[in-house]
Amino acid sequence: MNIALIVGASGTGKDTLLRTAGHYFASNHRIVFLKRYITRPPDIHETNYFLDPGAFEHLLAGNFFISHWQAHGHRYGVARDHLRQVPSGGLGLVSISRTAIADFETHYPRAVTIQVQADPDTLGKRLRVRGREEPDKIDNRLARARLPVAARNLILFDNSRPLSRTGPAFISLLESLLDRSAPPRRPET
């Protein structure tokens, strides 16, 4: 089993890429898209488990999460038990904060981190079109997007182009990681 950690600034298109890959790999049981627990209801672009802050704290106290973090006023976590859904020779994918990478690398030394990026102009346009943040918050997000990501096995993925081009490239990347996760074949005799 291997884990691919998907990180990147808001607006880089992580959820869109994951949704595209989810459709493509829907019948492939070797690849598992892990859900997060979040203290806000998921929007139409993501499928996560909603928890109120009290329930989140209760699970946190019970060591339920392999990793947890806080971002934009909300708590996020990934259940320890959910990683058991990934079969031997399979690949688990989860979108996380860059601050949580070390938690996964501690337990999964072969974890791969895919940093989804977009050029600053594209990222700025996406954030403005999305309409969730005020201009000063968009500037803060753009500055944060330039910060380096610390990971042992880091793959940079440029998602600046249209999804018609980046979607297939992302799927190809995941297929290569899935191939690396497969147990070695025995030679035929």
N, C-alpha and C. Protein backbone atom coordinates (compact mmCIF):
# COMPACT_ATOMS: atom_id res chain seq x y z
N MET A 1 0.85 -1.19 0.00
CA MET A 1 0.00 0.00 0.00
C MET A 1 0.88 1.24 0.00
N ASN A 2 0.43 2.24 -0.70
CA ASN A 2 1.13 3.52 -0.73
C ASN A 2 0.09 4.62 -0.54
N ILE A 3 0.56 5.77 -0.11
CA ILE A 3 -0.31 6.93 0.12
C ILE A 3 0.19 8.09 -0.74
N ALA A 4 -0.74 8.75 -1.42
CA ALA A 4 -0.42 9.98 -2.16
C ALA A 4 -1.13 11.12 -1.46
N LEU A 5 -0.37 12.05 -0.97
CA LEU A 5 -0.88 13.21 -0.26
C LEU A 5 -1.01 14.36 -1.25
N ILE A 6 -2.21 14.90 -1.39
CA ILE A 6 -2.45 15.98 -2.34
C ILE A 6 -2.46 17.29 -1.57
N VAL A 7 -1.54 18.18 -1.91
CA VAL A 7 -1.46 19.48 -1.25
C VAL A 7 -1.44 20.57 -2.32
N GLY A 8 -1.73 21.77 -1.90
CA GLY A 8 -1.68 22.92 -2.80
C GLY A 8 -2.55 24.03 -2.27
N ALA A 9 -2.27 25.21 -2.71
CA ALA A 9 -3.01 26.39 -2.28
C ALA A 9 -4.46 26.32 -2.74
N SER A 10 -5.33 27.01 -2.02
CA SER A 10 -6.72 27.12 -2.45
C SER A 10 -6.76 27.71 -3.85
N GLY A 11 -7.58 27.12 -4.71
CA GLY A 11 -7.72 27.63 -6.06
C GLY A 11 -6.83 26.94 -7.08
N THR A 12 -5.94 26.05 -6.64
CA THR A 12 -5.08 25.36 -7.60
C THR A 12 -5.82 24.26 -8.34
N GLY A 13 -6.98 23.85 -7.83
CA GLY A 13 -7.78 22.84 -8.52
C GLY A 13 -7.62 21.43 -7.99
N LYS A 14 -7.21 21.30 -6.74
CA LYS A 14 -7.04 19.97 -6.15
C LYS A 14 -8.33 19.16 -6.20
N ASP A 15 -9.43 19.76 -5.74
CA ASP A 15 -10.71 19.04 -5.70
C ASP A 15 -11.18 18.66 -7.11
N THR A 16 -10.97 19.53 -8.08
CA THR A 16 -11.36 19.24 -9.46
C THR A 16 -10.56 18.06 -10.00
N LEU A 17 -9.26 18.05 -9.76
CA LEU A 17 -8.43 16.93 -10.20
C LEU A 17 -8.84 15.63 -9.51
N LEU A 18 -9.09 15.70 -8.21
CA LEU A 18 -9.50 14.50 -7.48
C LEU A 18 -10.86 13.98 -7.96
N ARG A 19 -11.77 14.88 -8.24
CA ARG A 19 -13.09 14.49 -8.75
C ARG A 19 -12.95 13.82 -10.12
N THR A 20 -12.12 14.40 -10.99
CA THR A 20 -11.87 13.83 -12.31
C THR A 20 -11.27 12.44 -12.19
N ALA A 21 -10.27 12.30 -11.32
CA ALA A 21 -9.64 10.99 -11.11
C ALA A 21 -10.62 10.01 -10.48
N GLY A 22 -11.49 10.49 -9.59
CA GLY A 22 -12.48 9.62 -8.96
C GLY A 22 -13.41 9.00 -9.98
N HIS A 23 -13.83 9.78 -10.97
CA HIS A 23 -14.68 9.25 -12.04
C HIS A 23 -13.92 8.21 -12.86
N TYR A 24 -12.68 8.53 -13.19
CA TYR A 24 -11.88 7.65 -14.03
C TYR A 24 -11.61 6.31 -13.33
N PHE A 25 -11.27 6.37 -12.05
CA PHE A 25 -10.90 5.17 -11.30
C PHE A 25 -12.07 4.54 -10.53
N ALA A 26 -13.29 4.92 -10.85
CA ALA A 26 -14.47 4.48 -10.08
C ALA A 26 -14.55 2.97 -9.93
N SER A 27 -14.15 2.21 -10.92
CA SER A 27 -14.26 0.75 -10.83
C SER A 27 -12.94 0.08 -10.46
N ASN A 28 -11.91 0.86 -10.17
CA ASN A 28 -10.62 0.31 -9.78
C ASN A 28 -10.54 0.28 -8.26
N HIS A 29 -10.59 -0.91 -7.69
CA HIS A 29 -10.63 -1.03 -6.23
C HIS A 29 -9.25 -0.96 -5.59
N ARG A 30 -8.21 -0.82 -6.40
CA ARG A 30 -6.87 -0.67 -5.85
C ARG A 30 -6.57 0.78 -5.46
N ILE A 31 -7.41 1.70 -5.91
CA ILE A 31 -7.18 3.11 -5.59
C ILE A 31 -8.36 3.59 -4.73
N VAL A 32 -8.03 4.19 -3.59
CA VAL A 32 -9.04 4.60 -2.62
C VAL A 32 -8.90 6.10 -2.36
N PHE A 33 -9.99 6.82 -2.53
CA PHE A 33 -10.02 8.26 -2.26
C PHE A 33 -10.51 8.43 -0.83
N LEU A 34 -9.62 8.83 0.05
CA LEU A 34 -9.93 8.94 1.47
C LEU A 34 -10.62 10.26 1.76
N LYS A 35 -11.64 10.19 2.60
CA LYS A 35 -12.38 11.40 2.98
C LYS A 35 -11.81 11.99 4.26
N ARG A 36 -12.00 13.29 4.40
CA ARG A 36 -11.57 14.00 5.60
C ARG A 36 -12.78 14.30 6.47
N TYR A 37 -12.52 14.53 7.73
CA TYR A 37 -13.53 15.04 8.66
C TYR A 37 -13.26 16.53 8.80
N ILE A 38 -14.32 17.35 8.64
CA ILE A 38 -14.15 18.80 8.65
C ILE A 38 -15.26 19.42 9.48
N THR A 39 -14.92 20.50 10.18
CA THR A 39 -15.92 21.19 11.00
C THR A 39 -16.69 22.23 10.21
N ARG A 40 -16.88 21.99 8.94
CA ARG A 40 -17.79 22.79 8.11
C ARG A 40 -18.43 21.83 7.11
N PRO A 41 -19.67 22.11 6.72
CA PRO A 41 -20.32 21.24 5.74
C PRO A 41 -19.55 21.27 4.41
N PRO A 42 -19.44 20.12 3.73
CA PRO A 42 -18.75 20.12 2.43
C PRO A 42 -19.56 20.91 1.41
N ASP A 43 -18.85 21.50 0.46
CA ASP A 43 -19.55 22.19 -0.62
C ASP A 43 -19.76 21.20 -1.78
N ILE A 44 -20.30 21.67 -2.88
CA ILE A 44 -20.63 20.77 -3.98
C ILE A 44 -19.40 20.18 -4.65
N HIS A 45 -18.22 20.71 -4.37
CA HIS A 45 -17.00 20.25 -5.03
C HIS A 45 -16.24 19.20 -4.23
N GLU A 46 -16.73 18.83 -3.07
CA GLU A 46 -15.99 17.89 -2.25
C GLU A 46 -16.95 16.97 -1.49
N THR A 47 -16.44 15.83 -1.09
CA THR A 47 -17.23 14.90 -0.29
C THR A 47 -16.42 14.58 0.97
N ASN A 48 -16.78 15.21 2.04
CA ASN A 48 -16.12 15.01 3.32
C ASN A 48 -17.17 14.73 4.38
N TYR A 49 -16.71 14.34 5.54
CA TYR A 49 -17.61 14.11 6.67
C TYR A 49 -17.65 15.38 7.52
N PHE A 50 -18.85 15.88 7.78
CA PHE A 50 -19.01 17.07 8.61
C PHE A 50 -19.10 16.66 10.07
N LEU A 51 -18.37 17.39 10.92
CA LEU A 51 -18.44 17.23 12.37
C LEU A 51 -18.59 18.61 12.99
N ASP A 52 -19.41 18.71 14.03
CA ASP A 52 -19.41 19.97 14.75
C ASP A 52 -18.14 20.01 15.60
N PRO A 53 -17.69 21.20 16.02
CA PRO A 53 -16.41 21.31 16.74
C PRO A 53 -16.33 20.42 17.98
N GLY A 54 -17.42 20.26 18.70
CA GLY A 54 -17.39 19.41 19.90
C GLY A 54 -17.14 17.95 19.56
N ALA A 55 -17.78 17.46 18.52
CA ALA A 55 -17.58 16.07 18.09
C ALA A 55 -16.14 15.88 17.59
N PHE A 56 -15.62 16.87 16.90
CA PHE A 56 -14.25 16.78 16.41
C PHE A 56 -13.29 16.65 17.60
N GLU A 57 -13.48 17.50 18.61
CA GLU A 57 -12.60 17.45 19.80
C GLU A 57 -12.71 16.11 20.52
N HIS A 58 -13.92 15.56 20.57
CA HIS A 58 -14.12 14.25 21.20
C HIS A 58 -13.32 13.17 20.46
N LEU A 59 -13.39 13.16 19.13
CA LEU A 59 -12.63 12.18 18.35
C LEU A 59 -11.13 12.41 18.47
N LEU A 60 -10.73 13.66 18.51
CA LEU A 60 -9.32 13.99 18.66
C LEU A 60 -8.78 13.45 19.98
N ALA A 61 -9.54 13.62 21.04
CA ALA A 61 -9.13 13.12 22.36
C ALA A 61 -9.03 11.59 22.38
N GLY A 62 -9.80 10.93 21.53
CA GLY A 62 -9.78 9.47 21.47
C GLY A 62 -8.77 8.91 20.47
N ASN A 63 -7.86 9.75 19.98
CA ASN A 63 -6.81 9.33 19.04
C ASN A 63 -7.38 8.74 17.75
N PHE A 64 -8.51 9.28 17.31
CA PHE A 64 -9.21 8.82 16.11
C PHE A 64 -8.47 9.17 14.82
N PHE A 65 -7.78 10.30 14.84
CA PHE A 65 -7.14 10.82 13.62
C PHE A 65 -5.68 10.44 13.53
N ILE A 66 -5.24 10.09 12.31
CA ILE A 66 -3.81 9.90 12.08
C ILE A 66 -3.14 11.27 11.96
N SER A 67 -3.94 12.24 11.50
CA SER A 67 -3.44 13.61 11.36
C SER A 67 -4.62 14.57 11.44
N HIS A 68 -4.35 15.75 11.95
CA HIS A 68 -5.38 16.80 12.00
C HIS A 68 -4.69 18.15 11.89
N TRP A 69 -5.45 19.14 11.44
CA TRP A 69 -4.91 20.48 11.27
C TRP A 69 -6.05 21.49 11.29
N GLN A 70 -5.67 22.73 11.36
CA GLN A 70 -6.64 23.82 11.34
C GLN A 70 -6.31 24.74 10.18
N ALA A 71 -7.35 25.14 9.45
CA ALA A 71 -7.14 26.07 8.32
C ALA A 71 -8.40 26.88 8.11
N HIS A 72 -8.22 28.18 7.96
CA HIS A 72 -9.32 29.09 7.63
C HIS A 72 -10.49 28.97 8.62
N GLY A 73 -10.15 28.79 9.89
CA GLY A 73 -11.16 28.74 10.95
C GLY A 73 -11.87 27.41 11.11
N HIS A 74 -11.41 26.38 10.43
CA HIS A 74 -12.04 25.06 10.54
C HIS A 74 -11.00 24.01 10.90
N ARG A 75 -11.47 22.91 11.50
CA ARG A 75 -10.61 21.78 11.85
C ARG A 75 -10.78 20.70 10.80
N TYR A 76 -9.69 20.04 10.48
CA TYR A 76 -9.67 18.96 9.50
C TYR A 76 -8.96 17.76 10.11
N GLY A 77 -9.37 16.57 9.74
CA GLY A 77 -8.69 15.37 10.21
C GLY A 77 -8.92 14.20 9.27
N VAL A 78 -7.99 13.26 9.32
CA VAL A 78 -8.09 12.03 8.54
C VAL A 78 -8.09 10.88 9.54
N ALA A 79 -9.12 10.04 9.45
CA ALA A 79 -9.27 8.92 10.38
C ALA A 79 -8.19 7.88 10.16
N ARG A 80 -7.62 7.45 11.26
CA ARG A 80 -6.59 6.40 11.24
C ARG A 80 -7.13 5.13 10.58
N ASP A 81 -8.35 4.74 10.93
CA ASP A 81 -8.95 3.52 10.41
C ASP A 81 -9.23 3.58 8.91
N HIS A 82 -9.42 4.75 8.36
CA HIS A 82 -9.74 4.85 6.93
C HIS A 82 -8.59 4.37 6.05
N LEU A 83 -7.38 4.47 6.57
CA LEU A 83 -6.23 4.03 5.79
C LEU A 83 -6.24 2.51 5.61
N ARG A 84 -6.96 1.81 6.47
CA ARG A 84 -7.08 0.35 6.32
C ARG A 84 -7.93 -0.03 5.12
N GLN A 85 -8.64 0.93 4.54
CA GLN A 85 -9.44 0.66 3.34
C GLN A 85 -8.57 0.45 2.11
N VAL A 86 -7.33 0.92 2.18
CA VAL A 86 -6.43 0.82 1.03
C VAL A 86 -5.83 -0.59 1.01
N PRO A 87 -6.07 -1.34 -0.07
CA PRO A 87 -5.59 -2.72 -0.11
C PRO A 87 -4.07 -2.80 -0.29
N SER A 88 -3.52 -3.94 0.06
CA SER A 88 -2.12 -4.19 -0.20
C SER A 88 -1.88 -4.05 -1.70
N GLY A 89 -0.85 -3.32 -2.08
CA GLY A 89 -0.59 -3.08 -3.49
C GLY A 89 -1.47 -1.99 -4.07
N GLY A 90 -2.21 -1.30 -3.21
CA GLY A 90 -3.09 -0.23 -3.66
C GLY A 90 -2.52 1.14 -3.37
N LEU A 91 -3.31 2.15 -3.70
CA LEU A 91 -2.90 3.54 -3.51
C LEU A 91 -4.04 4.30 -2.85
N GLY A 92 -3.76 4.95 -1.75
CA GLY A 92 -4.72 5.82 -1.09
C GLY A 92 -4.40 7.27 -1.41
N LEU A 93 -5.42 8.06 -1.70
CA LEU A 93 -5.23 9.49 -1.98
C LEU A 93 -6.02 10.30 -0.98
N VAL A 94 -5.40 11.38 -0.51
CA VAL A 94 -6.10 12.27 0.40
C VAL A 94 -5.56 13.68 0.24
N SER A 95 -6.47 14.65 0.24
CA SER A 95 -6.10 16.06 0.18
C SER A 95 -5.88 16.56 1.60
N ILE A 96 -4.69 17.08 1.86
CA ILE A 96 -4.34 17.51 3.22
C ILE A 96 -3.66 18.87 3.18
N SER A 97 -3.41 19.39 4.37
CA SER A 97 -2.61 20.60 4.52
C SER A 97 -1.13 20.23 4.47
N ARG A 98 -0.33 21.13 3.94
CA ARG A 98 1.11 20.88 3.92
C ARG A 98 1.66 20.67 5.33
N THR A 99 0.97 21.22 6.35
CA THR A 99 1.44 21.06 7.73
C THR A 99 1.24 19.64 8.25
N ALA A 100 0.47 18.82 7.55
CA ALA A 100 0.17 17.45 8.00
C ALA A 100 1.04 16.41 7.31
N ILE A 101 1.88 16.80 6.38
CA ILE A 101 2.68 15.83 5.62
C ILE A 101 3.50 14.94 6.54
N ALA A 102 4.19 15.53 7.50
CA ALA A 102 5.07 14.76 8.39
C ALA A 102 4.32 13.68 9.16
N ASP A 103 3.06 13.94 9.53
CA ASP A 103 2.27 12.92 10.25
C ASP A 103 2.16 11.65 9.41
N PHE A 104 1.89 11.81 8.12
CA PHE A 104 1.75 10.65 7.24
C PHE A 104 3.11 10.02 6.95
N GLU A 105 4.13 10.83 6.73
CA GLU A 105 5.45 10.30 6.43
C GLU A 105 6.00 9.49 7.60
N THR A 106 5.62 9.83 8.83
CA THR A 106 6.06 9.07 10.00
C THR A 106 5.54 7.64 9.94
N HIS A 107 4.30 7.48 9.52
CA HIS A 107 3.67 6.14 9.49
C HIS A 107 3.84 5.44 8.14
N TYR A 108 4.05 6.20 7.09
CA TYR A 108 4.16 5.65 5.74
C TYR A 108 5.40 6.23 5.06
N PRO A 109 6.55 5.61 5.27
CA PRO A 109 7.80 6.16 4.73
C PRO A 109 7.81 6.31 3.21
N ARG A 110 6.98 5.53 2.51
CA ARG A 110 6.92 5.63 1.05
C ARG A 110 5.86 6.63 0.58
N ALA A 111 5.28 7.38 1.48
CA ALA A 111 4.26 8.36 1.09
C ALA A 111 4.82 9.32 0.05
N VAL A 112 3.98 9.65 -0.91
CA VAL A 112 4.35 10.59 -1.97
C VAL A 112 3.46 11.82 -1.80
N THR A 113 4.05 13.00 -1.91
CA THR A 113 3.29 14.24 -1.83
C THR A 113 3.22 14.86 -3.21
N ILE A 114 2.00 15.10 -3.68
CA ILE A 114 1.79 15.77 -4.95
C ILE A 114 1.35 17.20 -4.66
N GLN A 115 2.21 18.15 -4.98
CA GLN A 115 1.86 19.55 -4.79
C GLN A 115 1.24 20.09 -6.08
N VAL A 116 -0.04 20.38 -6.02
CA VAL A 116 -0.76 20.94 -7.17
C VAL A 116 -0.50 22.44 -7.17
N GLN A 117 -0.04 22.94 -8.30
CA GLN A 117 0.30 24.36 -8.42
C GLN A 117 -0.43 24.97 -9.61
N ALA A 118 -0.52 26.26 -9.61
CA ALA A 118 -1.00 27.03 -10.76
C ALA A 118 -0.20 28.33 -10.78
N ASP A 119 0.05 28.83 -11.97
CA ASP A 119 0.82 30.07 -12.05
C ASP A 119 0.04 31.18 -11.34
N PRO A 120 0.72 32.21 -10.83
CA PRO A 120 0.06 33.24 -10.02
C PRO A 120 -1.12 33.92 -10.71
N ASP A 121 -1.02 34.20 -12.01
CA ASP A 121 -2.13 34.85 -12.72
C ASP A 121 -3.37 33.95 -12.75
N THR A 122 -3.16 32.69 -13.09
CA THR A 122 -4.27 31.73 -13.13
C THR A 122 -4.88 31.55 -11.76
N LEU A 123 -4.03 31.41 -10.75
CA LEU A 123 -4.51 31.22 -9.39
C LEU A 123 -5.31 32.44 -8.92
N GLY A 124 -4.80 33.63 -9.19
CA GLY A 124 -5.52 34.85 -8.80
C GLY A 124 -6.88 34.94 -9.46
N LYS A 125 -6.95 34.61 -10.75
CA LYS A 125 -8.23 34.64 -11.47
C LYS A 125 -9.21 33.63 -10.88
N ARG A 126 -8.73 32.44 -10.59
CA ARG A 126 -9.61 31.41 -10.01
C ARG A 126 -10.16 31.85 -8.67
N LEU A 127 -9.31 32.43 -7.85
CA LEU A 127 -9.76 32.87 -6.53
C LEU A 127 -10.78 34.00 -6.63
N ARG A 128 -10.56 34.92 -7.56
CA ARG A 128 -11.52 36.02 -7.73
C ARG A 128 -12.86 35.52 -8.27
N VAL A 129 -12.81 34.61 -9.24
CA VAL A 129 -14.05 34.07 -9.81
C VAL A 129 -14.84 33.29 -8.75
N ARG A 130 -14.11 32.59 -7.90
CA ARG A 130 -14.76 31.80 -6.85
C ARG A 130 -15.57 32.67 -5.91
N GLY A 131 -15.09 33.89 -5.66
CA GLY A 131 -15.83 34.86 -4.88
C GLY A 131 -15.98 34.56 -3.40
N ARG A 132 -15.13 33.74 -2.83
CA ARG A 132 -15.23 33.40 -1.40
C ARG A 132 -14.50 34.40 -0.51
N GLU A 133 -13.44 35.05 -1.05
CA GLU A 133 -12.59 35.89 -0.22
C GLU A 133 -12.56 37.33 -0.70
N GLU A 134 -12.26 38.20 0.25
CA GLU A 134 -12.00 39.61 -0.05
C GLU A 134 -10.64 39.72 -0.72
N PRO A 135 -10.38 40.82 -1.46
CA PRO A 135 -9.10 40.97 -2.17
C PRO A 135 -7.87 40.80 -1.28
N ASP A 136 -7.89 41.31 -0.04
CA ASP A 136 -6.71 41.16 0.82
C ASP A 136 -6.47 39.70 1.19
N LYS A 137 -7.53 38.94 1.35
CA LYS A 137 -7.38 37.51 1.67
C LYS A 137 -6.86 36.76 0.44
N ILE A 138 -7.25 37.19 -0.74
CA ILE A 138 -6.73 36.58 -1.96
C ILE A 138 -5.23 36.83 -2.05
N ASP A 139 -4.79 38.05 -1.73
CA ASP A 139 -3.36 38.36 -1.73
C ASP A 139 -2.61 37.47 -0.75
N ASN A 140 -3.20 37.24 0.43
CA ASN A 140 -2.58 36.36 1.43
C ASN A 140 -2.46 34.93 0.90
N ARG A 141 -3.51 34.46 0.22
CA ARG A 141 -3.47 33.10 -0.35
C ARG A 141 -2.41 33.00 -1.45
N LEU A 142 -2.29 34.03 -2.26
CA LEU A 142 -1.28 34.01 -3.32
C LEU A 142 0.13 33.99 -2.73
N ALA A 143 0.34 34.74 -1.65
CA ALA A 143 1.65 34.74 -0.99
C ALA A 143 1.94 33.36 -0.39
N ARG A 144 0.94 32.76 0.23
CA ARG A 144 1.11 31.44 0.84
C ARG A 144 1.41 30.38 -0.22
N ALA A 145 0.85 30.53 -1.40
CA ALA A 145 1.06 29.55 -2.47
C ALA A 145 2.53 29.47 -2.89
N ARG A 146 3.29 30.54 -2.63
CA ARG A 146 4.70 30.56 -3.02
C ARG A 146 5.61 29.92 -1.97
N LEU A 147 5.08 29.58 -0.81
CA LEU A 147 5.90 28.97 0.24
C LEU A 147 6.31 27.56 -0.16
N PRO A 148 7.54 27.17 0.15
CA PRO A 148 7.99 25.82 -0.21
C PRO A 148 7.27 24.75 0.64
N VAL A 149 7.14 23.58 0.07
CA VAL A 149 6.52 22.44 0.75
C VAL A 149 7.63 21.49 1.16
N ALA A 150 7.64 21.09 2.42
CA ALA A 150 8.63 20.14 2.91
C ALA A 150 8.04 18.73 2.87
N ALA A 151 8.62 17.90 2.02
CA ALA A 151 8.18 16.51 1.89
C ALA A 151 9.35 15.68 1.39
N ARG A 152 9.42 14.43 1.83
CA ARG A 152 10.49 13.54 1.40
C ARG A 152 10.41 13.21 -0.09
N ASN A 153 9.21 12.87 -0.54
CA ASN A 153 8.98 12.46 -1.93
C ASN A 153 7.98 13.42 -2.55
N LEU A 154 8.48 14.52 -3.08
CA LEU A 154 7.62 15.59 -3.59
C LEU A 154 7.56 15.56 -5.12
N ILE A 155 6.33 15.59 -5.63
CA ILE A 155 6.09 15.70 -7.07
C ILE A 155 5.32 17.00 -7.29
N LEU A 156 5.83 17.85 -8.17
CA LEU A 156 5.14 19.10 -8.50
C LEU A 156 4.23 18.83 -9.71
N PHE A 157 2.98 19.28 -9.60
CA PHE A 157 2.03 19.09 -10.70
C PHE A 157 1.44 20.45 -11.06
N ASP A 158 1.71 20.90 -12.28
CA ASP A 158 1.22 22.20 -12.75
C ASP A 158 -0.21 22.04 -13.28
N ASN A 159 -1.14 22.72 -12.63
CA ASN A 159 -2.55 22.67 -13.02
C ASN A 159 -3.01 24.02 -13.55
N SER A 160 -2.14 24.71 -14.28
CA SER A 160 -2.47 26.03 -14.82
C SER A 160 -3.29 25.95 -16.11
N ARG A 161 -3.15 24.86 -16.82
CA ARG A 161 -3.82 24.71 -18.12
C ARG A 161 -5.26 24.22 -17.92
N PRO A 162 -6.03 24.14 -18.99
CA PRO A 162 -7.42 23.66 -18.88
C PRO A 162 -7.46 22.20 -18.42
N LEU A 163 -8.55 21.84 -17.76
CA LEU A 163 -8.73 20.50 -17.24
C LEU A 163 -8.65 19.44 -18.34
N SER A 164 -9.02 19.79 -19.55
CA SER A 164 -8.94 18.83 -20.66
C SER A 164 -7.51 18.34 -20.88
N ARG A 165 -6.54 19.14 -20.45
CA ARG A 165 -5.12 18.75 -20.57
C ARG A 165 -4.56 18.23 -19.25
N THR A 166 -4.91 18.89 -18.16
CA THR A 166 -4.31 18.49 -16.88
C THR A 166 -4.99 17.25 -16.30
N GLY A 167 -6.27 17.06 -16.57
CA GLY A 167 -6.97 15.88 -16.05
C GLY A 167 -6.31 14.58 -16.48
N PRO A 168 -6.10 14.37 -17.81
CA PRO A 168 -5.42 13.16 -18.25
C PRO A 168 -3.98 13.03 -17.69
N ALA A 169 -3.28 14.15 -17.57
CA ALA A 169 -1.92 14.11 -17.03
C ALA A 169 -1.94 13.68 -15.56
N PHE A 170 -2.92 14.15 -14.80
CA PHE A 170 -3.03 13.77 -13.39
C PHE A 170 -3.38 12.28 -13.28
N ILE A 171 -4.28 11.81 -14.11
CA ILE A 171 -4.64 10.39 -14.11
C ILE A 171 -3.43 9.54 -14.45
N SER A 172 -2.64 9.97 -15.43
CA SER A 172 -1.42 9.25 -15.80
C SER A 172 -0.45 9.19 -14.62
N LEU A 173 -0.30 10.30 -13.91
CA LEU A 173 0.57 10.33 -12.74
C LEU A 173 0.08 9.33 -11.69
N LEU A 174 -1.21 9.31 -11.42
CA LEU A 174 -1.75 8.37 -10.43
C LEU A 174 -1.57 6.92 -10.88
N GLU A 175 -1.74 6.67 -12.17
CA GLU A 175 -1.52 5.30 -12.67
C GLU A 175 -0.07 4.87 -12.45
N SER A 176 0.88 5.79 -12.65
CA SER A 176 2.28 5.44 -12.42
C SER A 176 2.54 5.15 -10.95
N LEU A 177 1.90 5.91 -10.05
CA LEU A 177 2.05 5.64 -8.62
C LEU A 177 1.38 4.32 -8.23
N LEU A 178 0.27 4.02 -8.85
CA LEU A 178 -0.42 2.76 -8.59
C LEU A 178 0.44 1.59 -9.05
N ASP A 179 1.11 1.74 -10.19
CA ASP A 179 2.01 0.69 -10.67
C ASP A 179 3.16 0.47 -9.70
N ARG A 180 3.67 1.55 -9.11
CA ARG A 180 4.76 1.43 -8.12
C ARG A 180 4.31 0.73 -6.85
N SER A 181 3.00 0.82 -6.55
CA SER A 181 2.47 0.23 -5.32
C SER A 181 2.21 -1.26 -5.47
N ALA A 182 2.09 -1.72 -6.70
CA ALA A 182 1.75 -3.13 -6.93
C ALA A 182 2.89 -4.02 -6.47
N PRO A 183 2.54 -5.18 -5.92
CA PRO A 183 3.61 -6.11 -5.52
C PRO A 183 4.35 -6.60 -6.76
N PRO A 184 5.64 -6.91 -6.61
CA PRO A 184 6.40 -7.36 -7.77
C PRO A 184 5.83 -8.66 -8.32
N ARG A 185 5.88 -8.79 -9.64
CA ARG A 185 5.40 -10.01 -10.28
C ARG A 185 6.48 -11.08 -10.20
N ARG A 186 6.01 -12.31 -10.03
CA ARG A 186 6.94 -13.43 -10.05
C ARG A 186 7.20 -13.82 -11.50
N PRO A 187 8.43 -14.15 -11.81
CA PRO A 187 8.70 -14.57 -13.18
C PRO A 187 7.99 -15.88 -13.49
N GLU A 188 7.54 -15.98 -14.73
CA GLU A 188 6.87 -17.21 -15.14
C GLU A 188 7.90 -18.29 -15.35
N THR A 189 7.54 -19.51 -14.98
CA THR A 189 8.48 -20.62 -15.13
C THR A 189 8.03 -21.58 -16.21
